[in-house]
């Protein structure tokens, strides 16, 4: 009985949830599907993100890594401006810009190889 109770709340993406005007079954997957988005794209993005994070650890120094994380919100989820980054690190905005450009160039070369 306990097993059945747990299973009774499960919903599968390919289970029918209704019928359209033409009498075709509609599934949860159909409702959630976004044109231009695919599972393959999501998996590829996740793999690229992991690879990029590893490359950041191995190819960037601490300051470069910190600036990239701050600028693109990789830790907090909130992107901050070059000026805000400069204030937090106690350096000039133009220096943040130069470090960021250098770090992005390094990462691009690493990702291409």
PDB file of N, CA and C in Angstrom:
ATOM      1  N   UNK A   1       0.815  -1.193   0.000  1.00  0.00           N
ATOM      2  CA  UNK A   1       0.000   0.000   0.000  1.00  0.00           C
ATOM      3  C   UNK A   1       0.865   1.266   0.000  1.00  0.00           C
ATOM      4  N   UNK A   2       1.955   1.262   0.792  1.00  0.00           N
ATOM      5  CA  UNK A   2       2.844   2.422   0.826  1.00  0.00           C
ATOM      6  C   UNK A   2       3.511   2.649  -0.525  1.00  0.00           C
ATOM      7  N   UNK A   3       3.903   1.565  -1.163  1.00  0.00           N
ATOM      8  CA  UNK A   3       4.543   1.663  -2.475  1.00  0.00           C
ATOM      9  C   UNK A   3       3.584   2.273  -3.486  1.00  0.00           C
ATOM     10  N   UNK A   4       2.353   1.844  -3.487  1.00  0.00           N
ATOM     11  CA  UNK A   4       1.355   2.366  -4.416  1.00  0.00           C
ATOM     12  C   UNK A   4       1.095   3.851  -4.166  1.00  0.00           C
ATOM     13  N   UNK A   5       1.119   4.264  -2.913  1.00  0.00           N
ATOM     14  CA  UNK A   5       0.873   5.667  -2.575  1.00  0.00           C
ATOM     15  C   UNK A   5       1.969   6.565  -3.155  1.00  0.00           C
ATOM     16  N   UNK A   6       3.239   6.109  -3.059  1.00  0.00           N
ATOM     17  CA  UNK A   6       4.347   6.876  -3.619  1.00  0.00           C
ATOM     18  C   UNK A   6       4.251   6.960  -5.131  1.00  0.00           C
ATOM     19  N   UNK A   7       3.921   5.857  -5.763  1.00  0.00           N
ATOM     20  CA  UNK A   7       3.850   5.802  -7.221  1.00  0.00           C
ATOM     21  C   UNK A   7       2.664   6.592  -7.752  1.00  0.00           C
ATOM     22  N   UNK A   8       1.584   6.664  -7.007  1.00  0.00           N
ATOM     23  CA  UNK A   8       0.368   7.323  -7.491  1.00  0.00           C
ATOM     24  C   UNK A   8       0.573   8.813  -7.775  1.00  0.00           C
ATOM     25  N   UNK A   9       1.569   9.434  -7.167  1.00  0.00           N
ATOM     26  CA  UNK A   9       1.832  10.864  -7.384  1.00  0.00           C
ATOM     27  C   UNK A   9       2.817  11.131  -8.508  1.00  0.00           C
ATOM     28  N   UNK A  10       3.408  10.099  -9.061  1.00  0.00           N
ATOM     29  CA  UNK A  10       4.386  10.287 -10.126  1.00  0.00           C
ATOM     30  C   UNK A  10       3.686  10.620 -11.434  1.00  0.00           C
ATOM     31  N   UNK A  11       4.276  11.553 -12.167  1.00  0.00           N
ATOM     32  CA  UNK A  11       3.772  11.947 -13.472  1.00  0.00           C
ATOM     33  C   UNK A  11       4.920  11.804 -14.462  1.00  0.00           C
ATOM     34  N   UNK A  12       4.660  11.153 -15.563  1.00  0.00           N
ATOM     35  CA  UNK A  12       5.674  10.973 -16.584  1.00  0.00           C
ATOM     36  C   UNK A  12       5.421  11.927 -17.738  1.00  0.00           C
ATOM     37  N   UNK A  13       6.490  12.364 -18.373  1.00  0.00           N
ATOM     38  CA  UNK A  13       6.369  13.335 -19.453  1.00  0.00           C
ATOM     39  C   UNK A  13       5.540  12.817 -20.624  1.00  0.00           C
ATOM     40  N   UNK A  14       5.564  11.520 -20.848  1.00  0.00           N
ATOM     41  CA  UNK A  14       4.831  11.001 -22.006  1.00  0.00           C
ATOM     42  C   UNK A  14       3.435  10.481 -21.657  1.00  0.00           C
ATOM     43  N   UNK A  15       2.977  10.667 -20.438  1.00  0.00           N
ATOM     44  CA  UNK A  15       1.611  10.298 -20.059  1.00  0.00           C
ATOM     45  C   UNK A  15       0.638  11.314 -20.651  1.00  0.00           C
ATOM     46  N   UNK A  16      -0.489  10.846 -21.197  1.00  0.00           N
ATOM     47  CA  UNK A  16      -1.478  11.782 -21.743  1.00  0.00           C
ATOM     48  C   UNK A  16      -2.124  12.617 -20.626  1.00  0.00           C
ATOM     49  N   UNK A  17      -2.282  13.915 -20.903  1.00  0.00           N
ATOM     50  CA  UNK A  17      -2.929  14.784 -19.911  1.00  0.00           C
ATOM     51  C   UNK A  17      -4.199  15.418 -20.472  1.00  0.00           C
ATOM     52  N   UNK A  18      -4.451  15.141 -21.738  1.00  0.00           N
ATOM     53  CA  UNK A  18      -5.643  15.701 -22.360  1.00  0.00           C
ATOM     54  C   UNK A  18      -5.667  15.406 -23.842  1.00  0.00           C
ATOM     55  N   UNK A  19      -6.620  16.057 -24.522  1.00  0.00           N
ATOM     56  CA  UNK A  19      -6.797  15.853 -25.957  1.00  0.00           C
ATOM     57  C   UNK A  19      -6.926  17.224 -26.614  1.00  0.00           C
ATOM     58  N   UNK A  20      -6.302  17.383 -27.791  1.00  0.00           N
ATOM     59  CA  UNK A  20      -6.419  18.653 -28.502  1.00  0.00           C
ATOM     60  C   UNK A  20      -7.700  18.691 -29.331  1.00  0.00           C
ATOM     61  N   UNK A  21      -7.928  19.754 -30.098  1.00  0.00           N
ATOM     62  CA  UNK A  21      -9.144  19.941 -30.891  1.00  0.00           C
ATOM     63  C   UNK A  21      -9.348  18.838 -31.919  1.00  0.00           C
ATOM     64  N   UNK A  22      -8.262  18.274 -32.386  1.00  0.00           N
ATOM     65  CA  UNK A  22      -8.335  17.247 -33.423  1.00  0.00           C
ATOM     66  C   UNK A  22      -8.418  15.843 -32.851  1.00  0.00           C
ATOM     67  N   UNK A  23      -8.458  15.705 -31.545  1.00  0.00           N
ATOM     68  CA  UNK A  23      -8.578  14.401 -30.915  1.00  0.00           C
ATOM     69  C   UNK A  23      -7.253  13.719 -30.620  1.00  0.00           C
ATOM     70  N   UNK A  24      -6.125  14.422 -30.850  1.00  0.00           N
ATOM     71  CA  UNK A  24      -4.807  13.859 -30.559  1.00  0.00           C
ATOM     72  C   UNK A  24      -4.497  14.007 -29.071  1.00  0.00           C
ATOM     73  N   UNK A  25      -3.818  13.002 -28.534  1.00  0.00           N
ATOM     74  CA  UNK A  25      -3.434  13.057 -27.124  1.00  0.00           C
ATOM     75  C   UNK A  25      -2.368  14.124 -26.906  1.00  0.00           C
ATOM     76  N   UNK A  26      -2.494  14.865 -25.823  1.00  0.00           N
ATOM     77  CA  UNK A  26      -1.504  15.867 -25.434  1.00  0.00           C
ATOM     78  C   UNK A  26      -0.773  15.332 -24.212  1.00  0.00           C
ATOM     79  N   UNK A  27       0.541  15.396 -24.251  1.00  0.00           N
ATOM     80  CA  UNK A  27       1.344  14.933 -23.125  1.00  0.00           C
ATOM     81  C   UNK A  27       1.979  16.125 -22.416  1.00  0.00           C
ATOM     82  N   UNK A  28       2.500  15.876 -21.228  1.00  0.00           N
ATOM     83  CA  UNK A  28       3.200  16.923 -20.483  1.00  0.00           C
ATOM     84  C   UNK A  28       4.402  17.399 -21.299  1.00  0.00           C
ATOM     85  N   UNK A  29       5.047  16.481 -21.975  1.00  0.00           N
ATOM     86  CA  UNK A  29       6.209  16.821 -22.807  1.00  0.00           C
ATOM     87  C   UNK A  29       5.817  17.820 -23.887  1.00  0.00           C
ATOM     88  N   UNK A  30       4.643  17.632 -24.502  1.00  0.00           N
ATOM     89  CA  UNK A  30       4.166  18.566 -25.522  1.00  0.00           C
ATOM     90  C   UNK A  30       3.957  19.960 -24.946  1.00  0.00           C
ATOM     91  N   UNK A  31       3.430  20.019 -23.741  1.00  0.00           N
ATOM     92  CA  UNK A  31       3.172  21.311 -23.096  1.00  0.00           C
ATOM     93  C   UNK A  31       4.466  22.023 -22.710  1.00  0.00           C
ATOM     94  N   UNK A  32       5.453  21.233 -22.274  1.00  0.00           N
ATOM     95  CA  UNK A  32       6.706  21.822 -21.813  1.00  0.00           C
ATOM     96  C   UNK A  32       7.674  22.122 -22.950  1.00  0.00           C
ATOM     97  N   UNK A  33       7.432  21.525 -24.093  1.00  0.00           N
ATOM     98  CA  UNK A  33       8.349  21.679 -25.220  1.00  0.00           C
ATOM     99  C   UNK A  33       8.405  23.138 -25.666  1.00  0.00           C
ATOM    100  N   UNK A  34       9.596  23.613 -25.883  1.00  0.00           N
ATOM    101  CA  UNK A  34       9.821  24.978 -26.338  1.00  0.00           C
ATOM    102  C   UNK A  34      10.473  24.889 -27.700  1.00  0.00           C
ATOM    103  N   UNK A  35       9.918  25.568 -28.661  1.00  0.00           N
ATOM    104  CA  UNK A  35      10.522  25.551 -29.988  1.00  0.00           C
ATOM    105  C   UNK A  35      11.940  26.102 -29.912  1.00  0.00           C
ATOM    106  N   UNK A  36      12.867  25.418 -30.538  1.00  0.00           N
ATOM    107  CA  UNK A  36      14.258  25.858 -30.505  1.00  0.00           C
ATOM    108  C   UNK A  36      15.034  25.337 -29.320  1.00  0.00           C
ATOM    109  N   UNK A  37      14.393  24.590 -28.444  1.00  0.00           N
ATOM    110  CA  UNK A  37      15.053  24.034 -27.258  1.00  0.00           C
ATOM    111  C   UNK A  37      14.943  22.529 -27.337  1.00  0.00           C
ATOM    112  N   UNK A  38      16.050  21.865 -27.079  1.00  0.00           N
ATOM    113  CA  UNK A  38      16.002  20.405 -27.083  1.00  0.00           C
ATOM    114  C   UNK A  38      16.829  19.878 -25.921  1.00  0.00           C
ATOM    115  N   UNK A  39      16.580  18.643 -25.580  1.00  0.00           N
ATOM    116  CA  UNK A  39      17.328  17.993 -24.509  1.00  0.00           C
ATOM    117  C   UNK A  39      18.803  17.936 -24.888  1.00  0.00           C
ATOM    118  N   UNK A  40      19.078  17.681 -26.168  1.00  0.00           N
ATOM    119  CA  UNK A  40      20.467  17.639 -26.632  1.00  0.00           C
ATOM    120  C   UNK A  40      21.179  18.960 -26.361  1.00  0.00           C
ATOM    121  N   UNK A  41      20.479  20.069 -26.622  1.00  0.00           N
ATOM    122  CA  UNK A  41      21.056  21.388 -26.363  1.00  0.00           C
ATOM    123  C   UNK A  41      21.330  21.583 -24.877  1.00  0.00           C
ATOM    124  N   UNK A  42      20.412  21.150 -24.049  1.00  0.00           N
ATOM    125  CA  UNK A  42      20.569  21.307 -22.606  1.00  0.00           C
ATOM    126  C   UNK A  42      21.748  20.490 -22.094  1.00  0.00           C
ATOM    127  N   UNK A  43      21.876  19.261 -22.566  1.00  0.00           N
ATOM    128  CA  UNK A  43      22.987  18.405 -22.147  1.00  0.00           C
ATOM    129  C   UNK A  43      24.308  18.984 -22.631  1.00  0.00           C
ATOM    130  N   UNK A  44      24.332  19.442 -23.868  1.00  0.00           N
ATOM    131  CA  UNK A  44      25.544  20.033 -24.427  1.00  0.00           C
ATOM    132  C   UNK A  44      25.960  21.278 -23.643  1.00  0.00           C
ATOM    133  N   UNK A  45      24.994  22.116 -23.307  1.00  0.00           N
ATOM    134  CA  UNK A  45      25.278  23.317 -22.525  1.00  0.00           C
ATOM    135  C   UNK A  45      25.839  22.957 -21.157  1.00  0.00           C
ATOM    136  N   UNK A  46      25.257  21.953 -20.512  1.00  0.00           N
ATOM    137  CA  UNK A  46      25.728  21.540 -19.193  1.00  0.00           C
ATOM    138  C   UNK A  46      27.167  21.018 -19.265  1.00  0.00           C
ATOM    139  N   UNK A  47      27.457  20.234 -20.303  1.00  0.00           N
ATOM    140  CA  UNK A  47      28.806  19.689 -20.467  1.00  0.00           C
ATOM    141  C   UNK A  47      29.813  20.809 -20.747  1.00  0.00           C
ATOM    142  N   UNK A  48      29.423  21.771 -21.595  1.00  0.00           N
ATOM    143  CA  UNK A  48      30.305  22.905 -21.897  1.00  0.00           C
ATOM    144  C   UNK A  48      30.555  23.739 -20.647  1.00  0.00           C
ATOM    145  N   UNK A  49      29.521  23.907 -19.823  1.00  0.00           N
ATOM    146  CA  UNK A  49      29.655  24.688 -18.593  1.00  0.00           C
ATOM    147  C   UNK A  49      30.646  24.015 -17.640  1.00  0.00           C
ATOM    148  N   UNK A  50      30.519  22.702 -17.493  1.00  0.00           N
ATOM    149  CA  UNK A  50      31.467  21.971 -16.627  1.00  0.00           C
ATOM    150  C   UNK A  50      32.886  22.112 -17.163  1.00  0.00           C
ATOM    151  N   UNK A  51      33.041  21.955 -18.462  1.00  0.00           N
ATOM    152  CA  UNK A  51      34.365  22.061 -19.080  1.00  0.00           C
ATOM    153  C   UNK A  51      34.943  23.463 -18.870  1.00  0.00           C
ATOM    154  N   UNK A  52      34.104  24.479 -19.028  1.00  0.00           N
ATOM    155  CA  UNK A  52      34.548  25.860 -18.839  1.00  0.00           C
ATOM    156  C   UNK A  52      34.990  26.096 -17.401  1.00  0.00           C
ATOM    157  N   UNK A  53      34.245  25.586 -16.437  1.00  0.00           N
ATOM    158  CA  UNK A  53      34.626  25.757 -15.027  1.00  0.00           C
ATOM    159  C   UNK A  53      35.965  25.087 -14.729  1.00  0.00           C
ATOM    160  N   UNK A  54      36.182  23.899 -15.307  1.00  0.00           N
ATOM    161  CA  UNK A  54      37.470  23.224 -15.120  1.00  0.00           C
ATOM    162  C   UNK A  54      38.595  24.031 -15.744  1.00  0.00           C
ATOM    163  N   UNK A  55      38.351  24.576 -16.933  1.00  0.00           N
ATOM    164  CA  UNK A  55      39.378  25.393 -17.610  1.00  0.00           C
ATOM    165  C   UNK A  55      39.669  26.650 -16.803  1.00  0.00           C
ATOM    166  N   UNK A  56      38.653  27.218 -16.171  1.00  0.00           N
ATOM    167  CA  UNK A  56      38.865  28.405 -15.339  1.00  0.00           C
ATOM    168  C   UNK A  56      39.799  28.079 -14.182  1.00  0.00           C
ATOM    169  N   UNK A  57      39.629  26.914 -13.582  1.00  0.00           N
ATOM    170  CA  UNK A  57      40.469  26.526 -12.449  1.00  0.00           C
ATOM    171  C   UNK A  57      41.912  26.297 -12.866  1.00  0.00           C
ATOM    172  N   UNK A  58      42.108  25.742 -14.048  1.00  0.00           N
ATOM    173  CA  UNK A  58      43.463  25.370 -14.457  1.00  0.00           C
ATOM    174  C   UNK A  58      44.204  26.464 -15.218  1.00  0.00           C
ATOM    175  N   UNK A  59      43.486  27.339 -15.918  1.00  0.00           N
ATOM    176  CA  UNK A  59      44.189  28.299 -16.775  1.00  0.00           C
ATOM    177  C   UNK A  59      44.182  29.739 -16.284  1.00  0.00           C
ATOM    178  N   UNK A  60      43.310  30.085 -15.357  1.00  0.00           N
ATOM    179  CA  UNK A  60      43.244  31.465 -14.870  1.00  0.00           C
ATOM    180  C   UNK A  60      43.885  31.576 -13.491  1.00  0.00           C
ATOM    181  N   UNK A  61      44.521  32.736 -13.253  1.00  0.00           N
ATOM    182  CA  UNK A  61      45.030  32.961 -11.904  1.00  0.00           C
ATOM    183  C   UNK A  61      43.865  33.411 -11.016  1.00  0.00           C
ATOM    184  N   UNK A  62      44.125  33.569  -9.731  1.00  0.00           N
ATOM    185  CA  UNK A  62      43.055  33.872  -8.769  1.00  0.00           C
ATOM    186  C   UNK A  62      42.313  35.158  -9.104  1.00  0.00           C
ATOM    187  N   UNK A  63      43.050  36.201  -9.450  1.00  0.00           N
ATOM    188  CA  UNK A  63      42.417  37.492  -9.740  1.00  0.00           C
ATOM    189  C   UNK A  63      41.544  37.405 -10.989  1.00  0.00           C
ATOM    190  N   UNK A  64      42.058  36.767 -12.043  1.00  0.00           N
ATOM    191  CA  UNK A  64      41.284  36.621 -13.280  1.00  0.00           C
ATOM    192  C   UNK A  64      40.004  35.826 -13.013  1.00  0.00           C
ATOM    193  N   UNK A  65      40.149  34.736 -12.279  1.00  0.00           N
ATOM    194  CA  UNK A  65      39.003  33.890 -11.962  1.00  0.00           C
ATOM    195  C   UNK A  65      37.960  34.660 -11.152  1.00  0.00           C
ATOM    196  N   UNK A  66      38.416  35.399 -10.184  1.00  0.00           N
ATOM    197  CA  UNK A  66      37.515  36.176  -9.324  1.00  0.00           C
ATOM    198  C   UNK A  66      36.751  37.213 -10.149  1.00  0.00           C
ATOM    199  N   UNK A  67      37.443  37.894 -11.051  1.00  0.00           N
ATOM    200  CA  UNK A  67      36.798  38.918 -11.876  1.00  0.00           C
ATOM    201  C   UNK A  67      35.758  38.297 -12.799  1.00  0.00           C
ATOM    202  N   UNK A  68      36.084  37.193 -13.438  1.00  0.00           N
ATOM    203  CA  UNK A  68      35.131  36.532 -14.332  1.00  0.00           C
ATOM    204  C   UNK A  68      33.912  36.066 -13.546  1.00  0.00           C
ATOM    205  N   UNK A  69      34.125  35.494 -12.380  1.00  0.00           N
ATOM    206  CA  UNK A  69      33.003  35.028 -11.558  1.00  0.00           C
ATOM    207  C   UNK A  69      32.109  36.186 -11.137  1.00  0.00           C
ATOM    208  N   UNK A  70      32.713  37.311 -10.770  1.00  0.00           N
ATOM    209  CA  UNK A  70      31.936  38.467 -10.346  1.00  0.00           C
ATOM    210  C   UNK A  70      31.181  39.084 -11.520  1.00  0.00           C
ATOM    211  N   UNK A  71      31.880  39.283 -12.617  1.00  0.00           N
ATOM    212  CA  UNK A  71      31.283  39.951 -13.777  1.00  0.00           C
ATOM    213  C   UNK A  71      30.105  39.172 -14.371  1.00  0.00           C
ATOM    214  N   UNK A  72      30.226  37.847 -14.376  1.00  0.00           N
ATOM    215  CA  UNK A  72      29.199  37.033 -15.026  1.00  0.00           C
ATOM    216  C   UNK A  72      28.296  36.297 -14.039  1.00  0.00           C
ATOM    217  N   UNK A  73      28.395  36.629 -12.761  1.00  0.00           N
ATOM    218  CA  UNK A  73      27.499  36.082 -11.753  1.00  0.00           C
ATOM    219  C   UNK A  73      27.597  34.572 -11.586  1.00  0.00           C
ATOM    220  N   UNK A  74      28.798  34.031 -11.713  1.00  0.00           N
ATOM    221  CA  UNK A  74      28.964  32.586 -11.647  1.00  0.00           C
ATOM    222  C   UNK A  74      28.861  32.031 -10.231  1.00  0.00           C
ATOM    223  N   UNK A  75      28.955  32.878  -9.235  1.00  0.00           N
ATOM    224  CA  UNK A  75      28.837  32.411  -7.853  1.00  0.00           C
ATOM    225  C   UNK A  75      27.477  32.813  -7.282  1.00  0.00           C
ATOM    226  N   UNK A  76      27.152  34.081  -7.391  1.00  0.00           N
ATOM    227  CA  UNK A  76      25.920  34.591  -6.781  1.00  0.00           C
ATOM    228  C   UNK A  76      24.716  34.555  -7.711  1.00  0.00           C
ATOM    229  N   UNK A  77      24.964  34.408  -9.013  1.00  0.00           N
ATOM    230  CA  UNK A  77      23.876  34.455  -9.984  1.00  0.00           C
ATOM    231  C   UNK A  77      23.554  35.873 -10.421  1.00  0.00           C
ATOM    232  N   UNK A  78      24.244  36.851  -9.840  1.00  0.00           N
ATOM    233  CA  UNK A  78      24.008  38.257 -10.167  1.00  0.00           C
ATOM    234  C   UNK A  78      25.257  38.848 -10.815  1.00  0.00           C
ATOM    235  N   UNK A  79      25.113  39.283 -12.066  1.00  0.00           N
ATOM    236  CA  UNK A  79      26.226  39.918 -12.764  1.00  0.00           C
ATOM    237  C   UNK A  79      26.427  41.319 -12.207  1.00  0.00           C
ATOM    238  N   UNK A  80      27.694  41.726 -12.080  1.00  0.00           N
ATOM    239  CA  UNK A  80      27.953  43.094 -11.624  1.00  0.00           C
ATOM    240  C   UNK A  80      28.822  43.805 -12.652  1.00  0.00           C
ATOM    241  N   UNK A  81      28.768  45.116 -12.636  1.00  0.00           N
ATOM    242  CA  UNK A  81      29.482  45.922 -13.619  1.00  0.00           C
ATOM    243  C   UNK A  81      30.981  45.938 -13.333  1.00  0.00           C
ATOM    244  N   UNK A  82      31.725  46.409 -14.326  1.00  0.00           N
ATOM    245  CA  UNK A  82      33.172  46.557 -14.142  1.00  0.00           C
ATOM    246  C   UNK A  82      33.457  47.549 -13.017  1.00  0.00           C
ATOM    247  N   UNK A  83      32.673  48.587 -12.951  1.00  0.00           N
ATOM    248  CA  UNK A  83      32.879  49.605 -11.903  1.00  0.00           C
ATOM    249  C   UNK A  83      32.661  48.998 -10.508  1.00  0.00           C
ATOM    250  N   UNK A  84      31.591  48.231 -10.336  1.00  0.00           N
ATOM    251  CA  UNK A  84      31.321  47.594  -9.046  1.00  0.00           C
ATOM    252  C   UNK A  84      32.421  46.588  -8.691  1.00  0.00           C
ATOM    253  N   UNK A  85      32.876  45.856  -9.705  1.00  0.00           N
ATOM    254  CA  UNK A  85      33.963  44.898  -9.496  1.00  0.00           C
ATOM    255  C   UNK A  85      35.220  45.626  -9.041  1.00  0.00           C
ATOM    256  N   UNK A  86      35.512  46.741  -9.696  1.00  0.00           N
ATOM    257  CA  UNK A  86      36.698  47.527  -9.365  1.00  0.00           C
ATOM    258  C   UNK A  86      36.643  48.028  -7.925  1.00  0.00           C
ATOM    259  N   UNK A  87      35.488  48.512  -7.506  1.00  0.00           N
ATOM    260  CA  UNK A  87      35.326  49.010  -6.137  1.00  0.00           C
ATOM    261  C   UNK A  87      35.556  47.880  -5.132  1.00  0.00           C
ATOM    262  N   UNK A  88      34.970  46.714  -5.401  1.00  0.00           N
ATOM    263  CA  UNK A  88      35.111  45.587  -4.465  1.00  0.00           C
ATOM    264  C   UNK A  88      36.551  45.088  -4.373  1.00  0.00           C
ATOM    265  N   UNK A  89      37.279  45.158  -5.497  1.00  0.00           N
ATOM    266  CA  UNK A  89      38.662  44.665  -5.502  1.00  0.00           C
ATOM    267  C   UNK A  89      39.692  45.755  -5.213  1.00  0.00           C
ATOM    268  N   UNK A  90      39.252  47.012  -5.167  1.00  0.00           N
ATOM    269  CA  UNK A  90      40.159  48.118  -4.875  1.00  0.00           C
ATOM    270  C   UNK A  90      41.122  48.427  -6.017  1.00  0.00           C
ATOM    271  N   UNK A  91      40.640  48.237  -7.266  1.00  0.00           N
ATOM    272  CA  UNK A  91      41.458  48.542  -8.445  1.00  0.00           C
ATOM    273  C   UNK A  91      40.638  49.413  -9.383  1.00  0.00           C
ATOM    274  N   UNK A  92      41.262  49.919 -10.447  1.00  0.00           N
ATOM    275  CA  UNK A  92      40.530  50.783 -11.369  1.00  0.00           C
ATOM    276  C   UNK A  92      39.641  49.971 -12.308  1.00  0.00           C
ATOM    277  N   UNK A  93      38.599  50.636 -12.833  1.00  0.00           N
ATOM    278  CA  UNK A  93      37.692  49.990 -13.765  1.00  0.00           C
ATOM    279  C   UNK A  93      38.414  49.562 -15.025  1.00  0.00           C
ATOM    280  N   UNK A  94      39.338  50.375 -15.504  1.00  0.00           N
ATOM    281  CA  UNK A  94      40.068  50.026 -16.722  1.00  0.00           C
ATOM    282  C   UNK A  94      40.959  48.801 -16.504  1.00  0.00           C
ATOM    283  N   UNK A  95      41.483  48.655 -15.291  1.00  0.00           N
ATOM    284  CA  UNK A  95      42.302  47.481 -14.980  1.00  0.00           C
ATOM    285  C   UNK A  95      41.425  46.221 -14.962  1.00  0.00           C
ATOM    286  N   UNK A  96      40.206  46.348 -14.429  1.00  0.00           N
ATOM    287  CA  UNK A  96      39.248  45.237 -14.450  1.00  0.00           C
ATOM    288  C   UNK A  96      38.976  44.848 -15.905  1.00  0.00           C
ATOM    289  N   UNK A  97      38.783  45.850 -16.752  1.00  0.00           N
ATOM    290  CA  UNK A  97      38.517  45.603 -18.164  1.00  0.00           C
ATOM    291  C   UNK A  97      39.661  44.828 -18.828  1.00  0.00           C
ATOM    292  N   UNK A  98      40.886  45.235 -18.563  1.00  0.00           N
ATOM    293  CA  UNK A  98      42.058  44.565 -19.150  1.00  0.00           C
ATOM    294  C   UNK A  98      42.188  43.130 -18.651  1.00  0.00           C
ATOM    295  N   UNK A  99      41.999  42.939 -17.357  1.00  0.00           N
ATOM    296  CA  UNK A  99      42.096  41.596 -16.783  1.00  0.00           C
ATOM    297  C   UNK A  99      40.991  40.693 -17.350  1.00  0.00           C
ATOM    298  N   UNK A 100      39.786  41.246 -17.429  1.00  0.00           N
ATOM    299  CA  UNK A 100      38.658  40.476 -17.960  1.00  0.00           C
ATOM    300  C   UNK A 100      38.912  40.055 -19.406  1.00  0.00           C
ATOM    301  N   UNK A 101      39.381  40.978 -20.227  1.00  0.00           N
ATOM    302  CA  UNK A 101      39.665  40.667 -21.633  1.00  0.00           C
ATOM    303  C   UNK A 101      40.732  39.578 -21.745  1.00  0.00           C
ATOM    304  N   UNK A 102      41.794  39.713 -20.966  1.00  0.00           N
ATOM    305  CA  UNK A 102      42.879  38.726 -20.978  1.00  0.00           C
ATOM    306  C   UNK A 102      42.360  37.353 -20.550  1.00  0.00           C
ATOM    307  N   UNK A 103      41.540  37.322 -19.507  1.00  0.00           N
ATOM    308  CA  UNK A 103      40.995  36.060 -18.996  1.00  0.00           C
ATOM    309  C   UNK A 103      40.070  35.411 -20.021  1.00  0.00           C
ATOM    310  N   UNK A 104      39.221  36.204 -20.662  1.00  0.00           N
ATOM    311  CA  UNK A 104      38.318  35.665 -21.667  1.00  0.00           C
ATOM    312  C   UNK A 104      39.083  35.125 -22.876  1.00  0.00           C
ATOM    313  N   UNK A 105      40.154  35.821 -23.262  1.00  0.00           N
ATOM    314  CA  UNK A 105      40.999  35.323 -24.356  1.00  0.00           C
ATOM    315  C   UNK A 105      41.618  33.980 -23.998  1.00  0.00           C
ATOM    316  N   UNK A 106      42.104  33.864 -22.762  1.00  0.00           N
ATOM    317  CA  UNK A 106      42.686  32.597 -22.297  1.00  0.00           C
ATOM    318  C   UNK A 106      41.654  31.474 -22.357  1.00  0.00           C
ATOM    319  N   UNK A 107      40.461  31.767 -21.855  1.00  0.00           N
ATOM    320  CA  UNK A 107      39.412  30.750 -21.829  1.00  0.00           C
ATOM    321  C   UNK A 107      38.990  30.334 -23.233  1.00  0.00           C
ATOM    322  N   UNK A 108      38.915  31.297 -24.131  1.00  0.00           N
ATOM    323  CA  UNK A 108      38.547  30.991 -25.514  1.00  0.00           C
ATOM    324  C   UNK A 108      39.571  30.039 -26.135  1.00  0.00           C
ATOM    325  N   UNK A 109      40.854  30.339 -25.946  1.00  0.00           N
ATOM    326  CA  UNK A 109      41.907  29.466 -26.485  1.00  0.00           C
ATOM    327  C   UNK A 109      41.824  28.075 -25.874  1.00  0.00           C
ATOM    328  N   UNK A 110      41.587  27.997 -24.577  1.00  0.00           N
ATOM    329  CA  UNK A 110      41.482  26.712 -23.897  1.00  0.00           C
ATOM    330  C   UNK A 110      40.284  25.905 -24.395  1.00  0.00           C
ATOM    331  N   UNK A 111      39.158  26.577 -24.595  1.00  0.00           N
ATOM    332  CA  UNK A 111      37.951  25.880 -25.037  1.00  0.00           C
ATOM    333  C   UNK A 111      38.080  25.410 -26.486  1.00  0.00           C
ATOM    334  N   UNK A 112      38.831  26.132 -27.291  1.00  0.00           N
ATOM    335  CA  UNK A 112      39.017  25.746 -28.691  1.00  0.00           C
ATOM    336  C   UNK A 112      39.947  24.547 -28.838  1.00  0.00           C
ATOM    337  N   UNK A 113      40.829  24.361 -27.849  1.00  0.00           N
ATOM    338  CA  UNK A 113      41.783  23.259 -27.959  1.00  0.00           C
ATOM    339  C   UNK A 113      41.224  21.957 -27.417  1.00  0.00           C
TER     340      UNK A 113
END
